[in-house]
Amino acid sequence: MADNNNKKEKPAKMRIKKGDTVIVISGKYRGVKGKVLKSFPRTQRVIVEKVNFIKKHTRPTQQNPQGGIVEKESPIHVSNVILFNEKLGEVTRAVFRKTGDSRIRVCKKTGDEI
């Protein structure tokens, strides 16, 4: 029997990218709107500003001689956020359309390029 644990799976395409405005749809921060600061396609996670804060204990270093407790955003799963369209003022989904030999992301409701 072959063991498939060593195979590297190709991650599913993420339709949310860095710089997008999203709304959290589940969890402690439900209803919060924020900008995506960073995305991790391999683990299907995104960091949204002002969402999912954690407290990290840092030891004193030359850059931070005081040390102490730092609050920073932690990644959340991409399924817990939905894209927000600024022009419409409501949530939407992103789909990929082929134009010639390239793919572009467009708003599913209006067809405008994101």
N, C-alpha and C. Protein backbone atom coordinates (compact mmCIF):
# COMPACT_ATOMS: atom_id res chain seq x y z
N MET A 1 0.83 -1.18 0.00
CA MET A 1 0.00 0.00 0.00
C MET A 1 0.88 1.25 0.00
N ALA A 2 0.63 2.16 -0.89
CA ALA A 2 1.45 3.37 -1.01
C ALA A 2 1.05 4.40 0.04
N ASP A 3 2.05 5.05 0.60
CA ASP A 3 1.81 6.08 1.61
C ASP A 3 1.89 7.44 0.92
N ASN A 4 0.79 8.19 0.96
CA ASN A 4 0.72 9.47 0.24
C ASN A 4 1.06 10.66 1.13
N ASN A 5 1.61 10.45 2.32
CA ASN A 5 1.91 11.55 3.21
C ASN A 5 3.05 12.42 2.72
N ASN A 6 3.94 11.87 1.92
CA ASN A 6 5.10 12.63 1.47
C ASN A 6 4.81 13.49 0.24
N LYS A 7 3.67 13.30 -0.40
CA LYS A 7 3.33 14.09 -1.56
C LYS A 7 2.97 15.51 -1.16
N LYS A 8 3.43 16.47 -1.94
CA LYS A 8 3.07 17.86 -1.68
C LYS A 8 1.85 18.19 -2.52
N GLU A 9 0.77 18.51 -1.84
CA GLU A 9 -0.45 18.85 -2.56
C GLU A 9 -0.40 20.28 -3.02
N LYS A 10 -0.98 20.53 -4.17
CA LYS A 10 -1.09 21.88 -4.68
C LYS A 10 -2.27 22.55 -3.98
N PRO A 11 -2.05 23.70 -3.35
CA PRO A 11 -3.15 24.34 -2.62
C PRO A 11 -4.23 24.85 -3.57
N ALA A 12 -5.45 24.88 -3.06
CA ALA A 12 -6.56 25.41 -3.85
C ALA A 12 -6.34 26.89 -4.10
N LYS A 13 -6.89 27.40 -5.19
CA LYS A 13 -6.73 28.81 -5.52
C LYS A 13 -7.47 29.67 -4.50
N MET A 14 -6.77 30.67 -3.98
CA MET A 14 -7.41 31.61 -3.07
C MET A 14 -7.91 32.80 -3.88
N ARG A 15 -9.13 33.18 -3.63
CA ARG A 15 -9.71 34.30 -4.36
C ARG A 15 -9.57 35.62 -3.60
N ILE A 16 -8.91 35.57 -2.45
CA ILE A 16 -8.68 36.76 -1.65
C ILE A 16 -7.18 37.01 -1.59
N LYS A 17 -6.80 38.24 -1.89
CA LYS A 17 -5.38 38.57 -1.97
C LYS A 17 -5.04 39.73 -1.05
N LYS A 18 -3.76 39.99 -0.90
CA LYS A 18 -3.27 41.09 -0.08
C LYS A 18 -3.82 42.41 -0.62
N GLY A 19 -4.31 43.26 0.29
CA GLY A 19 -4.85 44.56 -0.10
C GLY A 19 -6.36 44.57 -0.28
N ASP A 20 -7.01 43.41 -0.35
CA ASP A 20 -8.46 43.36 -0.48
C ASP A 20 -9.13 43.78 0.82
N THR A 21 -10.32 44.36 0.72
CA THR A 21 -11.13 44.65 1.89
C THR A 21 -12.09 43.49 2.08
N VAL A 22 -12.12 42.96 3.31
CA VAL A 22 -12.96 41.80 3.59
C VAL A 22 -13.78 42.04 4.86
N ILE A 23 -14.83 41.23 5.03
CA ILE A 23 -15.63 41.23 6.25
C ILE A 23 -15.55 39.83 6.83
N VAL A 24 -15.33 39.77 8.15
CA VAL A 24 -15.27 38.49 8.84
C VAL A 24 -16.70 37.99 9.02
N ILE A 25 -16.97 36.74 8.62
CA ILE A 25 -18.34 36.23 8.65
C ILE A 25 -18.59 35.21 9.75
N SER A 26 -17.53 34.81 10.49
CA SER A 26 -17.75 33.88 11.59
C SER A 26 -16.66 34.05 12.63
N GLY A 27 -16.99 33.67 13.85
CA GLY A 27 -16.02 33.73 14.93
C GLY A 27 -16.20 34.94 15.82
N LYS A 28 -15.24 35.15 16.67
CA LYS A 28 -15.27 36.22 17.67
C LYS A 28 -15.36 37.61 17.04
N TYR A 29 -14.74 37.80 15.89
CA TYR A 29 -14.69 39.10 15.23
C TYR A 29 -15.71 39.23 14.10
N ARG A 30 -16.81 38.51 14.18
CA ARG A 30 -17.83 38.52 13.14
C ARG A 30 -18.35 39.94 12.89
N GLY A 31 -18.43 40.31 11.61
CA GLY A 31 -18.94 41.62 11.23
C GLY A 31 -17.89 42.70 11.11
N VAL A 32 -16.64 42.40 11.47
CA VAL A 32 -15.57 43.40 11.41
C VAL A 32 -15.04 43.49 9.98
N LYS A 33 -14.91 44.73 9.49
CA LYS A 33 -14.37 44.96 8.16
C LYS A 33 -12.91 45.37 8.29
N GLY A 34 -12.05 44.82 7.45
CA GLY A 34 -10.64 45.16 7.50
C GLY A 34 -9.94 44.83 6.20
N LYS A 35 -8.70 45.27 6.12
CA LYS A 35 -7.88 45.06 4.94
C LYS A 35 -6.98 43.84 5.15
N VAL A 36 -6.79 43.06 4.11
CA VAL A 36 -5.92 41.89 4.19
C VAL A 36 -4.47 42.38 4.15
N LEU A 37 -3.73 42.08 5.23
CA LEU A 37 -2.33 42.51 5.33
C LEU A 37 -1.39 41.51 4.68
N LYS A 38 -1.72 40.22 4.79
CA LYS A 38 -0.87 39.17 4.25
C LYS A 38 -1.70 37.94 3.99
N SER A 39 -1.36 37.18 2.95
CA SER A 39 -2.08 35.94 2.68
C SER A 39 -1.09 34.78 2.60
N PHE A 40 -1.55 33.62 3.03
CA PHE A 40 -0.75 32.40 3.02
C PHE A 40 -1.50 31.34 2.22
N PRO A 41 -1.30 31.27 0.89
CA PRO A 41 -2.08 30.34 0.05
C PRO A 41 -1.89 28.87 0.41
N ARG A 42 -0.71 28.48 0.85
CA ARG A 42 -0.45 27.07 1.14
C ARG A 42 -1.30 26.58 2.30
N THR A 43 -1.49 27.43 3.33
CA THR A 43 -2.28 27.03 4.50
C THR A 43 -3.70 27.58 4.45
N GLN A 44 -4.04 28.31 3.38
CA GLN A 44 -5.38 28.87 3.19
C GLN A 44 -5.74 29.85 4.31
N ARG A 45 -4.82 30.71 4.71
CA ARG A 45 -5.05 31.65 5.80
C ARG A 45 -4.69 33.07 5.37
N VAL A 46 -5.32 34.05 6.02
CA VAL A 46 -5.04 35.46 5.77
C VAL A 46 -4.92 36.20 7.09
N ILE A 47 -4.15 37.29 7.09
CA ILE A 47 -4.07 38.17 8.24
C ILE A 47 -4.86 39.43 7.89
N VAL A 48 -5.87 39.73 8.70
CA VAL A 48 -6.73 40.90 8.47
C VAL A 48 -6.43 41.91 9.57
N GLU A 49 -6.34 43.20 9.19
CA GLU A 49 -6.00 44.21 10.18
C GLU A 49 -7.10 44.34 11.22
N LYS A 50 -6.70 44.49 12.47
CA LYS A 50 -7.57 44.66 13.64
C LYS A 50 -8.46 43.44 13.90
N VAL A 51 -8.02 42.26 13.49
CA VAL A 51 -8.79 41.03 13.69
C VAL A 51 -7.90 39.95 14.26
N ASN A 52 -8.40 39.18 15.22
CA ASN A 52 -7.75 38.01 15.79
C ASN A 52 -6.41 38.35 16.46
N PHE A 53 -6.47 39.25 17.45
CA PHE A 53 -5.26 39.65 18.16
C PHE A 53 -4.77 38.54 19.09
N ILE A 54 -3.44 38.40 19.17
CA ILE A 54 -2.81 37.52 20.13
C ILE A 54 -1.79 38.33 20.91
N LYS A 55 -1.46 37.85 22.10
CA LYS A 55 -0.43 38.51 22.90
C LYS A 55 0.83 37.68 22.83
N LYS A 56 1.91 38.29 22.36
CA LYS A 56 3.18 37.59 22.21
C LYS A 56 4.16 38.16 23.22
N HIS A 57 4.75 37.28 24.00
CA HIS A 57 5.74 37.70 25.01
C HIS A 57 7.10 37.75 24.35
N THR A 58 7.74 38.93 24.40
CA THR A 58 9.04 39.09 23.76
C THR A 58 10.11 39.35 24.82
N ARG A 59 11.26 38.76 24.63
CA ARG A 59 12.36 38.99 25.56
C ARG A 59 13.14 40.21 25.10
N PRO A 60 13.84 40.88 25.99
CA PRO A 60 14.60 42.07 25.62
C PRO A 60 15.68 41.77 24.58
N THR A 61 15.76 42.63 23.56
CA THR A 61 16.78 42.53 22.53
C THR A 61 17.39 43.91 22.34
N GLN A 62 18.35 44.04 21.43
CA GLN A 62 18.94 45.35 21.17
C GLN A 62 17.94 46.28 20.50
N GLN A 63 17.07 45.74 19.64
CA GLN A 63 16.06 46.57 18.98
C GLN A 63 14.97 46.98 19.96
N ASN A 64 14.63 46.08 20.89
CA ASN A 64 13.58 46.33 21.88
C ASN A 64 14.14 46.02 23.27
N PRO A 65 14.88 46.97 23.87
CA PRO A 65 15.53 46.68 25.14
C PRO A 65 14.56 46.45 26.29
N GLN A 66 13.34 46.94 26.16
CA GLN A 66 12.35 46.80 27.23
C GLN A 66 11.76 45.39 27.27
N GLY A 67 11.55 44.80 26.07
CA GLY A 67 10.86 43.50 26.03
C GLY A 67 9.39 43.70 26.35
N GLY A 68 8.71 42.68 26.83
CA GLY A 68 7.32 42.83 27.26
C GLY A 68 6.34 42.05 26.40
N ILE A 69 5.08 42.47 26.48
CA ILE A 69 4.00 41.79 25.78
C ILE A 69 3.57 42.64 24.59
N VAL A 70 3.57 42.03 23.40
CA VAL A 70 3.20 42.72 22.17
C VAL A 70 1.91 42.11 21.65
N GLU A 71 0.93 42.95 21.28
CA GLU A 71 -0.30 42.45 20.65
C GLU A 71 -0.15 42.57 19.16
N LYS A 72 -0.47 41.47 18.45
CA LYS A 72 -0.41 41.50 16.99
C LYS A 72 -1.49 40.61 16.41
N GLU A 73 -1.77 40.82 15.12
CA GLU A 73 -2.79 40.04 14.44
C GLU A 73 -2.28 38.65 14.13
N SER A 74 -3.20 37.68 14.21
CA SER A 74 -2.88 36.30 13.92
C SER A 74 -3.69 35.87 12.69
N PRO A 75 -3.21 34.90 11.92
CA PRO A 75 -3.95 34.48 10.72
C PRO A 75 -5.29 33.81 11.06
N ILE A 76 -6.27 34.00 10.17
CA ILE A 76 -7.54 33.28 10.26
C ILE A 76 -7.77 32.57 8.94
N HIS A 77 -8.61 31.57 8.95
CA HIS A 77 -8.85 30.79 7.74
C HIS A 77 -9.63 31.62 6.73
N VAL A 78 -9.30 31.42 5.47
CA VAL A 78 -9.89 32.22 4.39
C VAL A 78 -11.40 31.98 4.25
N SER A 79 -11.89 30.83 4.75
CA SER A 79 -13.32 30.55 4.67
C SER A 79 -14.13 31.39 5.65
N ASN A 80 -13.46 32.05 6.60
CA ASN A 80 -14.14 32.88 7.58
C ASN A 80 -14.26 34.33 7.17
N VAL A 81 -13.82 34.67 5.96
CA VAL A 81 -13.94 36.04 5.46
C VAL A 81 -14.59 36.03 4.09
N ILE A 82 -15.20 37.16 3.73
CA ILE A 82 -15.80 37.31 2.40
C ILE A 82 -15.41 38.67 1.85
N LEU A 83 -15.21 38.74 0.55
CA LEU A 83 -14.77 39.95 -0.11
C LEU A 83 -15.83 41.04 -0.04
N PHE A 84 -15.39 42.29 0.21
CA PHE A 84 -16.30 43.43 0.29
C PHE A 84 -16.01 44.35 -0.89
N ASN A 85 -17.07 44.69 -1.66
CA ASN A 85 -16.94 45.57 -2.81
C ASN A 85 -17.23 47.00 -2.38
N GLU A 86 -16.24 47.87 -2.47
CA GLU A 86 -16.38 49.26 -2.02
C GLU A 86 -17.40 50.02 -2.88
N LYS A 87 -17.42 49.78 -4.19
CA LYS A 87 -18.34 50.50 -5.09
C LYS A 87 -19.79 50.16 -4.79
N LEU A 88 -20.08 48.87 -4.61
CA LEU A 88 -21.45 48.43 -4.30
C LEU A 88 -21.83 48.71 -2.86
N GLY A 89 -20.83 48.63 -1.98
CA GLY A 89 -21.10 48.77 -0.56
C GLY A 89 -21.66 47.50 0.05
N GLU A 90 -21.41 46.37 -0.59
CA GLU A 90 -21.88 45.08 -0.06
C GLU A 90 -20.89 43.99 -0.40
N VAL A 91 -21.12 42.80 0.18
CA VAL A 91 -20.20 41.68 -0.04
C VAL A 91 -20.43 41.07 -1.41
N THR A 92 -19.39 40.44 -1.91
CA THR A 92 -19.46 39.79 -3.22
C THR A 92 -18.44 38.66 -3.25
N ARG A 93 -18.41 37.93 -4.34
CA ARG A 93 -17.41 36.89 -4.54
C ARG A 93 -16.55 37.27 -5.73
N ALA A 94 -15.34 36.76 -5.73
CA ALA A 94 -14.43 37.01 -6.84
C ALA A 94 -14.39 35.78 -7.73
N VAL A 95 -14.43 36.00 -9.01
CA VAL A 95 -14.30 34.90 -9.98
C VAL A 95 -13.21 35.29 -10.97
N PHE A 96 -12.63 34.29 -11.61
CA PHE A 96 -11.59 34.53 -12.59
C PHE A 96 -12.19 34.46 -13.98
N ARG A 97 -11.90 35.46 -14.82
CA ARG A 97 -12.32 35.48 -16.21
C ARG A 97 -11.08 35.48 -17.08
N LYS A 98 -11.18 34.79 -18.19
CA LYS A 98 -10.05 34.71 -19.11
C LYS A 98 -10.21 35.80 -20.16
N THR A 99 -9.19 36.63 -20.30
CA THR A 99 -9.17 37.64 -21.37
C THR A 99 -7.90 37.42 -22.18
N GLY A 100 -8.07 36.87 -23.34
CA GLY A 100 -6.90 36.54 -24.16
C GLY A 100 -6.13 35.40 -23.53
N ASP A 101 -4.89 35.69 -23.15
CA ASP A 101 -4.06 34.65 -22.53
C ASP A 101 -3.86 34.88 -21.03
N SER A 102 -4.55 35.88 -20.45
CA SER A 102 -4.38 36.14 -19.01
C SER A 102 -5.72 35.98 -18.28
N ARG A 103 -5.60 35.78 -16.97
CA ARG A 103 -6.79 35.66 -16.13
C ARG A 103 -6.87 36.90 -15.24
N ILE A 104 -8.08 37.44 -15.09
CA ILE A 104 -8.26 38.58 -14.20
C ILE A 104 -9.36 38.25 -13.21
N ARG A 105 -9.28 38.85 -12.02
CA ARG A 105 -10.32 38.68 -11.01
C ARG A 105 -11.39 39.72 -11.23
N VAL A 106 -12.64 39.28 -11.24
CA VAL A 106 -13.76 40.21 -11.42
C VAL A 106 -14.80 39.96 -10.34
N CYS A 107 -15.59 40.98 -10.06
CA CYS A 107 -16.69 40.90 -9.11
C CYS A 107 -17.79 40.06 -9.75
N LYS A 108 -18.32 39.10 -9.02
CA LYS A 108 -19.33 38.20 -9.57
C LYS A 108 -20.65 38.93 -9.81
N LYS A 109 -20.96 39.92 -8.95
CA LYS A 109 -22.24 40.61 -9.07
C LYS A 109 -22.26 41.63 -10.22
N THR A 110 -21.18 42.39 -10.36
CA THR A 110 -21.18 43.47 -11.36
C THR A 110 -20.33 43.17 -12.59
N GLY A 111 -19.33 42.31 -12.44
CA GLY A 111 -18.43 42.02 -13.55
C GLY A 111 -17.27 42.99 -13.64
N ASP A 112 -17.18 43.93 -12.68
CA ASP A 112 -16.07 44.88 -12.66
C ASP A 112 -14.78 44.19 -12.23
N GLU A 113 -13.66 44.68 -12.75
CA GLU A 113 -12.36 44.13 -12.37
C GLU A 113 -12.03 44.56 -10.94
N ILE A 114 -11.47 43.62 -10.17
CA ILE A 114 -11.10 43.91 -8.78
C ILE A 114 -9.65 44.35 -8.74
